[in-house]
Amino acid sequence: MPLIFVNYRTNDEEATATLVDRELSRVFGNGNVFRASKSIGPGSRFPQALLTAVRRSSVLLAVMGPRWLQPGDSDGRSPLEDEDDWTRREIREALETGAVVIPLLVGGAKRLRSEDLPEDIEALASCQYRRLSHRNADADLMGLADDLVELLPELGAAARSNGYRPRSAMSADDRDGGTNGAGDARVQARVIKHRQRGGIGNLNGDFSGTFVSEPQGPVHTGSGHLYQAREQYLGPRISGDGGHVQYVGENHGEVRQRADRNGRPLEEER
C-alpha cells in the first residue's frame, strides 16, 4: 500500500494535487503515492478504496488553496460542515490512525485556525505546514521530498533506487557542483575572455594552443611546405652569416637575412 496519501478538494487545487503526485511519484515510485483519480481503478468500490488507502498510509498531504474553506453550496455553507465530506473524512481517518498530516498551503492560502475547522479535524490547525508556490514549484517540491525522506526511512530507500539524492545526504562538494559520492565528476566550465586583433599568439592554461587572428593571406603554423593553388613553390635556399632561410611560396622580390657571429638572425632596420 502507498506510504503517501494526497488529499485535496476537487474545486480548489486539483491541478496542484496532480503536480504533487506526479513529482513525488517520480522520486518515490508510483506505488508509494496515492491520489484518488489515479490510484482507484475502474470498477473498484470508491469509498472502501479511499478509506483503506488512507488508513494504511504513513503521511497525508492536505493540499489547500485559497478556496479550501470557502462556501461551496448555494446556502453559503462550507463543504467541511458536512460530516460526509470526503476531504474531511480522509483527514479525520489520518489523524485517528496516527499518520503524519502535513497541510500544504498553495499560493496565497492562509494558515488554518482551529475555530474555522470542525471539531473532529481541528487538530489539523496545529500540524506544521509547508508552502508551495507555483513560481518556485521545483524547489518547493524538492524541499517537500527531502522532508518526507527524513520522516520515513523507507522513502529514502525508494528515492535512492530512483536516483534521487536528498540534499541532506549530499556533501558540501556535491551541493557546490563538485564530485559526488558515486564518483561522477561534475564539470565546472570557466569562461576565458581574450581580446586579440590581428597577429599570431599563444594561449596557455586549460585551453592552450596557437591562434591566428584576421589573417590577410596564407597561414602555416605546422611543419612541412606551404601549398598554394594546388602547386608547391620552393624558393632558393639563401645562406647568410651562420644562418640560412628557405623561401616557400611564389617569390616576387628579394629575400635577405643577416645574422650575428653566433648565428642569430638580425632584424633589418625599418
C-alpha atoms as a PDB file:
ATOM      1  CA  MET A   1       0.000   0.000   0.000  1.00  0.00           C
ATOM      2  CA  PRO A   2       1.101   3.602  -0.565  1.00  0.00           C
ATOM      3  CA  LEU A   3       3.018   5.484   2.084  1.00  0.00           C
ATOM      4  CA  ILE A   4       1.859   8.949   0.963  1.00  0.00           C
ATOM      5  CA  PHE A   5      -1.801   9.931   0.586  1.00  0.00           C
ATOM      6  CA  VAL A   6      -2.578  13.106  -1.395  1.00  0.00           C
ATOM      7  CA  ASN A   7      -5.732  14.764  -0.034  1.00  0.00           C
ATOM      8  CA  TYR A   8      -7.364  17.639  -1.938  1.00  0.00           C
ATOM      9  CA  ARG A   9     -10.649  19.313  -2.729  1.00  0.00           C
ATOM     10  CA  THR A  10     -11.815  18.973  -6.330  1.00  0.00           C
ATOM     11  CA  ASN A  11     -12.934  22.591  -6.780  1.00  0.00           C
ATOM     12  CA  ASP A  12      -9.885  24.036  -5.027  1.00  0.00           C
ATOM     13  CA  GLU A  13      -6.415  22.802  -6.075  1.00  0.00           C
ATOM     14  CA  GLU A  14      -6.981  19.596  -8.033  1.00  0.00           C
ATOM     15  CA  ALA A  15      -4.346  20.534 -10.636  1.00  0.00           C
ATOM     16  CA  THR A  16      -1.781  21.201  -7.911  1.00  0.00           C
ATOM     17  CA  ALA A  17      -2.558  17.841  -6.313  1.00  0.00           C
ATOM     18  CA  THR A  18      -1.830  16.234  -9.673  1.00  0.00           C
ATOM     19  CA  LEU A  19       1.504  18.082  -9.841  1.00  0.00           C
ATOM     20  CA  VAL A  20       2.434  16.983  -6.317  1.00  0.00           C
ATOM     21  CA  ASP A  21       1.501  13.380  -7.083  1.00  0.00           C
ATOM     22  CA  ARG A  22       3.494  13.365 -10.316  1.00  0.00           C
ATOM     23  CA  GLU A  23       6.658  14.763  -8.736  1.00  0.00           C
ATOM     24  CA  LEU A  24       6.559  12.582  -5.620  1.00  0.00           C
ATOM     25  CA  SER A  25       5.798   9.511  -7.750  1.00  0.00           C
ATOM     26  CA  ARG A  26       8.888  10.292  -9.814  1.00  0.00           C
ATOM     27  CA  VAL A  27      11.001  10.443  -6.651  1.00  0.00           C
ATOM     28  CA  PHE A  28       9.487   7.628  -4.576  1.00  0.00           C
ATOM     29  CA  GLY A  29       7.793   5.440  -7.144  1.00  0.00           C
ATOM     30  CA  ASN A  30       4.208   5.405  -8.387  1.00  0.00           C
ATOM     31  CA  GLY A  31       3.113   2.761  -5.904  1.00  0.00           C
ATOM     32  CA  ASN A  32       4.154   4.843  -2.903  1.00  0.00           C
ATOM     33  CA  VAL A  33       1.853   7.781  -3.680  1.00  0.00           C
ATOM     34  CA  PHE A  34      -1.953   7.585  -3.601  1.00  0.00           C
ATOM     35  CA  ARG A  35      -4.202  10.053  -5.393  1.00  0.00           C
ATOM     36  CA  ALA A  36      -7.812   9.006  -5.840  1.00  0.00           C
ATOM     37  CA  SER A  37      -8.309   9.734  -9.536  1.00  0.00           C
ATOM     38  CA  LYS A  38      -5.032   7.962 -10.362  1.00  0.00           C
ATOM     39  CA  SER A  39      -4.930   5.114  -7.898  1.00  0.00           C
ATOM     40  CA  ILE A  40      -8.513   3.803  -7.852  1.00  0.00           C
ATOM     41  CA  GLY A  41      -9.093   1.562 -10.842  1.00  0.00           C
ATOM     42  CA  PRO A  42     -12.284   1.130 -12.870  1.00  0.00           C
ATOM     43  CA  GLY A  43     -14.915  -0.919 -11.079  1.00  0.00           C
ATOM     44  CA  SER A  44     -13.297  -0.508  -7.661  1.00  0.00           C
ATOM     45  CA  ARG A  45     -15.525   0.393  -4.738  1.00  0.00           C
ATOM     46  CA  PHE A  46     -14.636   4.027  -4.287  1.00  0.00           C
ATOM     47  CA  PRO A  47     -15.430   4.570  -0.562  1.00  0.00           C
ATOM     48  CA  GLN A  48     -13.693   1.414   0.625  1.00  0.00           C
ATOM     49  CA  ALA A  49     -10.637   2.057  -1.585  1.00  0.00           C
ATOM     50  CA  LEU A  50     -10.233   5.567  -0.166  1.00  0.00           C
ATOM     51  CA  LEU A  51     -10.594   4.541   3.458  1.00  0.00           C
ATOM     52  CA  THR A  52      -8.269   1.548   3.105  1.00  0.00           C
ATOM     53  CA  ALA A  53      -5.581   3.671   1.447  1.00  0.00           C
ATOM     54  CA  VAL A  54      -5.698   6.491   3.968  1.00  0.00           C
ATOM     55  CA  ARG A  55      -5.691   4.118   6.948  1.00  0.00           C
ATOM     56  CA  ARG A  56      -2.585   2.344   5.668  1.00  0.00           C
ATOM     57  CA  SER A  57      -0.687   5.489   4.675  1.00  0.00           C
ATOM     58  CA  SER A  58       2.076   6.925   6.836  1.00  0.00           C
ATOM     59  CA  VAL A  59       1.731  10.524   5.617  1.00  0.00           C
ATOM     60  CA  LEU A  60      -1.257  12.537   4.432  1.00  0.00           C
ATOM     61  CA  LEU A  61      -0.589  15.681   2.407  1.00  0.00           C
ATOM     62  CA  ALA A  62      -3.582  18.020   2.659  1.00  0.00           C
ATOM     63  CA  VAL A  63      -3.349  20.252  -0.437  1.00  0.00           C
ATOM     64  CA  MET A  64      -5.070  23.546   0.376  1.00  0.00           C
ATOM     65  CA  GLY A  65      -5.607  26.564  -1.829  1.00  0.00           C
ATOM     66  CA  PRO A  66      -7.391  29.874  -1.215  1.00  0.00           C
ATOM     67  CA  ARG A  67     -10.807  28.251  -1.837  1.00  0.00           C
ATOM     68  CA  TRP A  68     -10.358  25.312   0.534  1.00  0.00           C
ATOM     69  CA  LEU A  69     -12.525  26.885   3.272  1.00  0.00           C
ATOM     70  CA  GLN A  70     -14.819  28.869   1.024  1.00  0.00           C
ATOM     71  CA  PRO A  71     -18.545  28.041   0.906  1.00  0.00           C
ATOM     72  CA  GLY A  72     -19.429  25.679  -1.898  1.00  0.00           C
ATOM     73  CA  ASP A  73     -23.180  25.480  -1.546  1.00  0.00           C
ATOM     74  CA  SER A  74     -25.823  27.990  -2.541  1.00  0.00           C
ATOM     75  CA  ASP A  75     -26.757  28.344   1.129  1.00  0.00           C
ATOM     76  CA  GLY A  76     -23.280  29.636   1.959  1.00  0.00           C
ATOM     77  CA  ARG A  77     -22.171  26.558   3.888  1.00  0.00           C
ATOM     78  CA  SER A  78     -18.623  25.249   3.666  1.00  0.00           C
ATOM     79  CA  PRO A  79     -18.294  21.657   2.438  1.00  0.00           C
ATOM     80  CA  LEU A  80     -16.317  20.924   5.619  1.00  0.00           C
ATOM     81  CA  GLU A  81     -19.512  21.324   7.615  1.00  0.00           C
ATOM     82  CA  ASP A  82     -20.777  18.122   6.049  1.00  0.00           C
ATOM     83  CA  GLU A  83     -19.635  15.099   8.084  1.00  0.00           C
ATOM     84  CA  ASP A  84     -19.626  13.007   4.899  1.00  0.00           C
ATOM     85  CA  ASP A  85     -17.390  15.429   3.002  1.00  0.00           C
ATOM     86  CA  TRP A  86     -14.584  13.219   1.666  1.00  0.00           C
ATOM     87  CA  THR A  87     -11.833  15.753   2.214  1.00  0.00           C
ATOM     88  CA  ARG A  88     -12.849  15.961   5.877  1.00  0.00           C
ATOM     89  CA  ARG A  89     -13.258  12.181   6.236  1.00  0.00           C
ATOM     90  CA  GLU A  90      -9.800  11.434   4.833  1.00  0.00           C
ATOM     91  CA  ILE A  91      -8.137  13.917   7.191  1.00  0.00           C
ATOM     92  CA  ARG A  92     -10.117  12.554  10.146  1.00  0.00           C
ATOM     93  CA  GLU A  93      -9.066   8.989   9.354  1.00  0.00           C
ATOM     94  CA  ALA A  94      -5.408  10.013   9.072  1.00  0.00           C
ATOM     95  CA  LEU A  95      -5.488  11.834  12.420  1.00  0.00           C
ATOM     96  CA  GLU A  96      -7.178   8.891  14.135  1.00  0.00           C
ATOM     97  CA  THR A  97      -4.697   6.326  12.794  1.00  0.00           C
ATOM     98  CA  GLY A  98      -1.672   8.385  13.834  1.00  0.00           C
ATOM     99  CA  ALA A  99      -0.417   9.267  10.355  1.00  0.00           C
ATOM    100  CA  VAL A 100       1.697  12.381   9.905  1.00  0.00           C
ATOM    101  CA  VAL A 101      -0.579  15.070   8.464  1.00  0.00           C
ATOM    102  CA  ILE A 102       1.084  17.927   6.575  1.00  0.00           C
ATOM    103  CA  PRO A 103      -1.030  20.860   5.376  1.00  0.00           C
ATOM    104  CA  LEU A 104       0.394  22.013   2.028  1.00  0.00           C
ATOM    105  CA  LEU A 105      -0.626  25.644   1.557  1.00  0.00           C
ATOM    106  CA  VAL A 106      -0.712  26.614  -2.112  1.00  0.00           C
ATOM    107  CA  GLY A 107      -0.193  30.146  -3.361  1.00  0.00           C
ATOM    108  CA  GLY A 108      -1.890  32.682  -1.124  1.00  0.00           C
ATOM    109  CA  ALA A 109      -3.663  30.180   1.125  1.00  0.00           C
ATOM    110  CA  LYS A 110      -3.678  31.322   4.746  1.00  0.00           C
ATOM    111  CA  ARG A 111      -2.727  29.327   7.820  1.00  0.00           C
ATOM    112  CA  LEU A 112      -5.563  27.361   9.325  1.00  0.00           C
ATOM    113  CA  ARG A 113      -7.260  28.375  12.563  1.00  0.00           C
ATOM    114  CA  SER A 114      -8.818  25.767  14.797  1.00  0.00           C
ATOM    115  CA  GLU A 115     -12.017  27.831  15.108  1.00  0.00           C
ATOM    116  CA  ASP A 116     -12.511  27.540  11.336  1.00  0.00           C
ATOM    117  CA  LEU A 117     -12.430  23.727  11.419  1.00  0.00           C
ATOM    118  CA  PRO A 118     -14.892  21.069  12.553  1.00  0.00           C
ATOM    119  CA  GLU A 119     -14.077  19.611  15.943  1.00  0.00           C
ATOM    120  CA  ASP A 120     -13.034  16.220  14.586  1.00  0.00           C
ATOM    121  CA  ILE A 121     -10.245  17.743  12.454  1.00  0.00           C
ATOM    122  CA  GLU A 122      -9.371  20.896  14.392  1.00  0.00           C
ATOM    123  CA  ALA A 123      -6.011  19.292  15.256  1.00  0.00           C
ATOM    124  CA  LEU A 124      -5.123  19.994  11.627  1.00  0.00           C
ATOM    125  CA  ALA A 125      -4.560  23.648  12.584  1.00  0.00           C
ATOM    126  CA  SER A 126      -1.674  22.665  14.886  1.00  0.00           C
ATOM    127  CA  CYS A 127       0.105  20.491  12.303  1.00  0.00           C
ATOM    128  CA  GLN A 128       3.260  22.031  10.886  1.00  0.00           C
ATOM    129  CA  TYR A 129       2.607  23.107   7.317  1.00  0.00           C
ATOM    130  CA  ARG A 130       4.616  23.557   4.152  1.00  0.00           C
ATOM    131  CA  ARG A 131       4.079  26.059   1.359  1.00  0.00           C
ATOM    132  CA  LEU A 132       4.023  25.507  -2.376  1.00  0.00           C
ATOM    133  CA  SER A 133       4.344  28.412  -4.780  1.00  0.00           C
ATOM    134  CA  HIS A 134       3.899  27.770  -8.488  1.00  0.00           C
ATOM    135  CA  ARG A 135       6.589  30.376  -9.126  1.00  0.00           C
ATOM    136  CA  ASN A 136       9.040  28.277  -7.127  1.00  0.00           C
ATOM    137  CA  ALA A 137       7.456  24.858  -7.573  1.00  0.00           C
ATOM    138  CA  ASP A 138      10.607  22.854  -8.344  1.00  0.00           C
ATOM    139  CA  ALA A 139      12.446  23.991  -5.215  1.00  0.00           C
ATOM    140  CA  ASP A 140       9.348  23.701  -3.006  1.00  0.00           C
ATOM    141  CA  LEU A 141       8.601  20.169  -4.184  1.00  0.00           C
ATOM    142  CA  MET A 142      12.231  19.154  -3.729  1.00  0.00           C
ATOM    143  CA  GLY A 143      12.101  20.502  -0.183  1.00  0.00           C
ATOM    144  CA  LEU A 144       8.909  18.539   0.440  1.00  0.00           C
ATOM    145  CA  ALA A 145      10.524  15.349  -0.867  1.00  0.00           C
ATOM    146  CA  ASP A 146      13.505  15.923   1.443  1.00  0.00           C
ATOM    147  CA  ASP A 147      11.134  16.362   4.403  1.00  0.00           C
ATOM    148  CA  LEU A 148       9.414  13.071   3.596  1.00  0.00           C
ATOM    149  CA  VAL A 149      12.745  11.249   3.366  1.00  0.00           C
ATOM    150  CA  GLU A 150      13.636  12.462   6.854  1.00  0.00           C
ATOM    151  CA  LEU A 151      10.247  11.362   8.200  1.00  0.00           C
ATOM    152  CA  LEU A 152      10.231   7.871   6.680  1.00  0.00           C
ATOM    153  CA  PRO A 153      13.490   5.952   6.157  1.00  0.00           C
ATOM    154  CA  GLU A 154      11.740   3.569   3.743  1.00  0.00           C
ATOM    155  CA  LEU A 155      11.019   6.513   1.470  1.00  0.00           C
ATOM    156  CA  GLY A 156      14.723   7.313   1.481  1.00  0.00           C
ATOM    157  CA  ALA A 157      15.492   3.828   0.167  1.00  0.00           C
ATOM    158  CA  ALA A 158      12.830   4.204  -2.531  1.00  0.00           C
ATOM    159  CA  ALA A 159      14.209   7.603  -3.525  1.00  0.00           C
ATOM    160  CA  ARG A 160      17.761   6.276  -3.847  1.00  0.00           C
ATOM    161  CA  SER A 161      16.573   3.402  -6.019  1.00  0.00           C
ATOM    162  CA  ASN A 162      15.076   6.005  -8.372  1.00  0.00           C
ATOM    163  CA  GLY A 163      18.304   8.014  -8.484  1.00  0.00           C
ATOM    164  CA  TYR A 164      17.159  10.809  -6.163  1.00  0.00           C
ATOM    165  CA  ARG A 165      19.543  12.125  -3.528  1.00  0.00           C
ATOM    166  CA  PRO A 166      18.139  14.435  -0.844  1.00  0.00           C
ATOM    167  CA  ARG A 167      20.232  17.484  -0.065  1.00  0.00           C
ATOM    168  CA  SER A 168      20.816  16.232   3.475  1.00  0.00           C
ATOM    169  CA  ALA A 169      22.705  13.245   2.015  1.00  0.00           C
ATOM    170  CA  MET A 170      24.957  15.387  -0.172  1.00  0.00           C
ATOM    171  CA  SER A 171      28.379  16.610   0.807  1.00  0.00           C
ATOM    172  CA  ALA A 172      29.301  20.266   0.527  1.00  0.00           C
ATOM    173  CA  ASP A 173      31.157  19.490  -2.707  1.00  0.00           C
ATOM    174  CA  ASP A 174      28.031  17.889  -4.182  1.00  0.00           C
ATOM    175  CA  ARG A 175      25.885  20.923  -3.366  1.00  0.00           C
ATOM    176  CA  ASP A 176      28.512  23.203  -4.858  1.00  0.00           C
ATOM    177  CA  GLY A 177      28.841  21.153  -8.040  1.00  0.00           C
ATOM    178  CA  GLY A 178      31.876  19.029  -7.129  1.00  0.00           C
ATOM    179  CA  THR A 179      32.307  15.262  -7.278  1.00  0.00           C
ATOM    180  CA  ASN A 180      29.518  13.231  -5.724  1.00  0.00           C
ATOM    181  CA  GLY A 181      29.797  10.091  -3.632  1.00  0.00           C
ATOM    182  CA  ALA A 182      29.292   7.838  -6.658  1.00  0.00           C
ATOM    183  CA  GLY A 183      32.385   9.257  -8.250  1.00  0.00           C
ATOM    184  CA  ASP A 184      30.616  11.156 -11.004  1.00  0.00           C
ATOM    185  CA  ALA A 185      32.575  14.258 -11.899  1.00  0.00           C
ATOM    186  CA  ARG A 186      30.617  17.440 -12.382  1.00  0.00           C
ATOM    187  CA  VAL A 187      32.486  19.722 -14.714  1.00  0.00           C
ATOM    188  CA  GLN A 188      32.502  23.389 -13.942  1.00  0.00           C
ATOM    189  CA  ALA A 189      33.059  25.425 -17.058  1.00  0.00           C
ATOM    190  CA  ARG A 190      35.117  28.602 -16.914  1.00  0.00           C
ATOM    191  CA  VAL A 191      34.698  31.362 -19.402  1.00  0.00           C
ATOM    192  CA  ILE A 192      38.012  32.720 -20.601  1.00  0.00           C
ATOM    193  CA  LYS A 193      37.920  36.041 -22.415  1.00  0.00           C
ATOM    194  CA  HIS A 194      40.868  37.063 -24.532  1.00  0.00           C
ATOM    195  CA  ARG A 195      40.865  40.018 -26.842  1.00  0.00           C
ATOM    196  CA  GLN A 196      43.270  39.877 -29.758  1.00  0.00           C
ATOM    197  CA  ARG A 197      43.043  41.665 -33.046  1.00  0.00           C
ATOM    198  CA  GLY A 198      45.496  40.639 -35.723  1.00  0.00           C
ATOM    199  CA  GLY A 199      48.678  38.599 -35.459  1.00  0.00           C
ATOM    200  CA  ILE A 200      49.648  35.225 -34.075  1.00  0.00           C
ATOM    201  CA  GLY A 201      49.719  34.340 -30.412  1.00  0.00           C
ATOM    202  CA  ASN A 202      49.537  31.544 -27.851  1.00  0.00           C
ATOM    203  CA  LEU A 203      47.082  30.645 -25.098  1.00  0.00           C
ATOM    204  CA  ASN A 204      48.137  28.747 -22.007  1.00  0.00           C
ATOM    205  CA  GLY A 205      46.182  27.114 -19.188  1.00  0.00           C
ATOM    206  CA  ASP A 206      43.122  24.845 -19.521  1.00  0.00           C
ATOM    207  CA  PHE A 207      42.731  25.914 -23.137  1.00  0.00           C
ATOM    208  CA  SER A 208      46.069  26.171 -24.901  1.00  0.00           C
ATOM    209  CA  GLY A 209      47.382  26.408 -28.432  1.00  0.00           C
ATOM    210  CA  THR A 210      48.264  28.821 -31.198  1.00  0.00           C
ATOM    211  CA  PHE A 211      45.710  31.221 -32.596  1.00  0.00           C
ATOM    212  CA  VAL A 212      45.820  33.286 -35.781  1.00  0.00           C
ATOM    213  CA  SER A 213      43.628  36.382 -35.814  1.00  0.00           C
ATOM    214  CA  GLU A 214      42.408  38.047 -39.028  1.00  0.00           C
ATOM    215  CA  PRO A 215      44.957  36.600 -41.438  1.00  0.00           C
ATOM    216  CA  GLN A 216      45.433  38.533 -44.675  1.00  0.00           C
ATOM    217  CA  GLY A 217      46.986  35.691 -46.661  1.00  0.00           C
ATOM    218  CA  PRO A 218      48.063  32.049 -46.473  1.00  0.00           C
ATOM    219  CA  VAL A 219      48.883  30.857 -42.968  1.00  0.00           C
ATOM    220  CA  HIS A 220      51.159  27.990 -41.914  1.00  0.00           C
ATOM    221  CA  THR A 221      51.565  27.045 -38.256  1.00  0.00           C
ATOM    222  CA  GLY A 222      52.702  23.439 -38.603  1.00  0.00           C
ATOM    223  CA  SER A 223      55.600  21.600 -40.218  1.00  0.00           C
ATOM    224  CA  GLY A 224      56.196  20.964 -43.920  1.00  0.00           C
ATOM    225  CA  HIS A 225      55.837  23.073 -47.011  1.00  0.00           C
ATOM    226  CA  LEU A 226      53.072  25.539 -47.754  1.00  0.00           C
ATOM    227  CA  TYR A 227      50.774  24.523 -50.572  1.00  0.00           C
ATOM    228  CA  GLN A 228      49.001  27.228 -52.524  1.00  0.00           C
ATOM    229  CA  ALA A 229      46.730  26.968 -55.569  1.00  0.00           C
ATOM    230  CA  ARG A 230      47.493  23.219 -55.763  1.00  0.00           C
ATOM    231  CA  GLU A 231      51.136  23.892 -56.601  1.00  0.00           C
ATOM    232  CA  GLN A 232      54.181  23.864 -54.384  1.00  0.00           C
ATOM    233  CA  TYR A 233      56.726  26.618 -54.754  1.00  0.00           C
ATOM    234  CA  LEU A 234      60.121  26.136 -53.286  1.00  0.00           C
ATOM    235  CA  GLY A 235      62.305  29.184 -53.374  1.00  0.00           C
ATOM    236  CA  PRO A 236      66.055  29.184 -53.211  1.00  0.00           C
ATOM    237  CA  ARG A 237      67.955  28.371 -50.030  1.00  0.00           C
ATOM    238  CA  ILE A 238      69.667  31.595 -49.038  1.00  0.00           C
ATOM    239  CA  SER A 239      72.538  31.488 -46.572  1.00  0.00           C
ATOM    240  CA  GLY A 240      73.908  34.319 -44.515  1.00  0.00           C
ATOM    241  CA  ASP A 241      76.437  34.723 -41.754  1.00  0.00           C
ATOM    242  CA  GLY A 242      75.980  31.445 -39.936  1.00  0.00           C
ATOM    243  CA  GLY A 243      72.253  31.156 -40.703  1.00  0.00           C
ATOM    244  CA  HIS A 244      70.015  30.298 -43.583  1.00  0.00           C
ATOM    245  CA  VAL A 245      66.397  30.623 -44.686  1.00  0.00           C
ATOM    246  CA  GLN A 246      64.417  28.903 -47.389  1.00  0.00           C
ATOM    247  CA  TYR A 247      61.652  30.902 -49.015  1.00  0.00           C
ATOM    248  CA  VAL A 248      58.432  28.943 -49.565  1.00  0.00           C
ATOM    249  CA  GLY A 249      55.862  30.386 -51.901  1.00  0.00           C
ATOM    250  CA  GLU A 250      55.816  32.428 -55.049  1.00  0.00           C
ATOM    251  CA  ASN A 251      58.742  34.849 -54.878  1.00  0.00           C
ATOM    252  CA  HIS A 252      58.204  38.325 -56.309  1.00  0.00           C
ATOM    253  CA  GLY A 253      61.061  40.107 -54.575  1.00  0.00           C
ATOM    254  CA  GLU A 254      64.300  39.717 -52.693  1.00  0.00           C
ATOM    255  CA  VAL A 255      64.787  37.691 -49.558  1.00  0.00           C
ATOM    256  CA  ARG A 256      67.588  38.692 -47.270  1.00  0.00           C
ATOM    257  CA  GLN A 257      68.834  37.560 -43.923  1.00  0.00           C
ATOM    258  CA  ARG A 258      71.540  38.877 -41.657  1.00  0.00           C
ATOM    259  CA  ALA A 259      72.988  37.051 -38.668  1.00  0.00           C
ATOM    260  CA  ASP A 260      75.442  37.847 -35.934  1.00  0.00           C
ATOM    261  CA  ARG A 261      78.575  35.828 -35.237  1.00  0.00           C
ATOM    262  CA  ASN A 262      76.616  33.359 -33.124  1.00  0.00           C
ATOM    263  CA  GLY A 263      74.236  32.585 -35.956  1.00  0.00           C
ATOM    264  CA  ARG A 264      71.272  34.520 -34.565  1.00  0.00           C
ATOM    265  CA  PRO A 265      69.249  36.371 -37.218  1.00  0.00           C
ATOM    266  CA  LEU A 266      69.335  40.168 -37.069  1.00  0.00           C
ATOM    267  CA  GLU A 267      66.321  42.366 -37.660  1.00  0.00           C
ATOM    268  CA  GLU A 268      66.507  44.754 -40.621  1.00  0.00           C
ATOM    269  CA  GLU A 269      66.231  48.377 -39.686  1.00  0.00           C
ATOM    270  CA  ARG A 270      62.914  49.899 -40.632  1.00  0.00           C
END
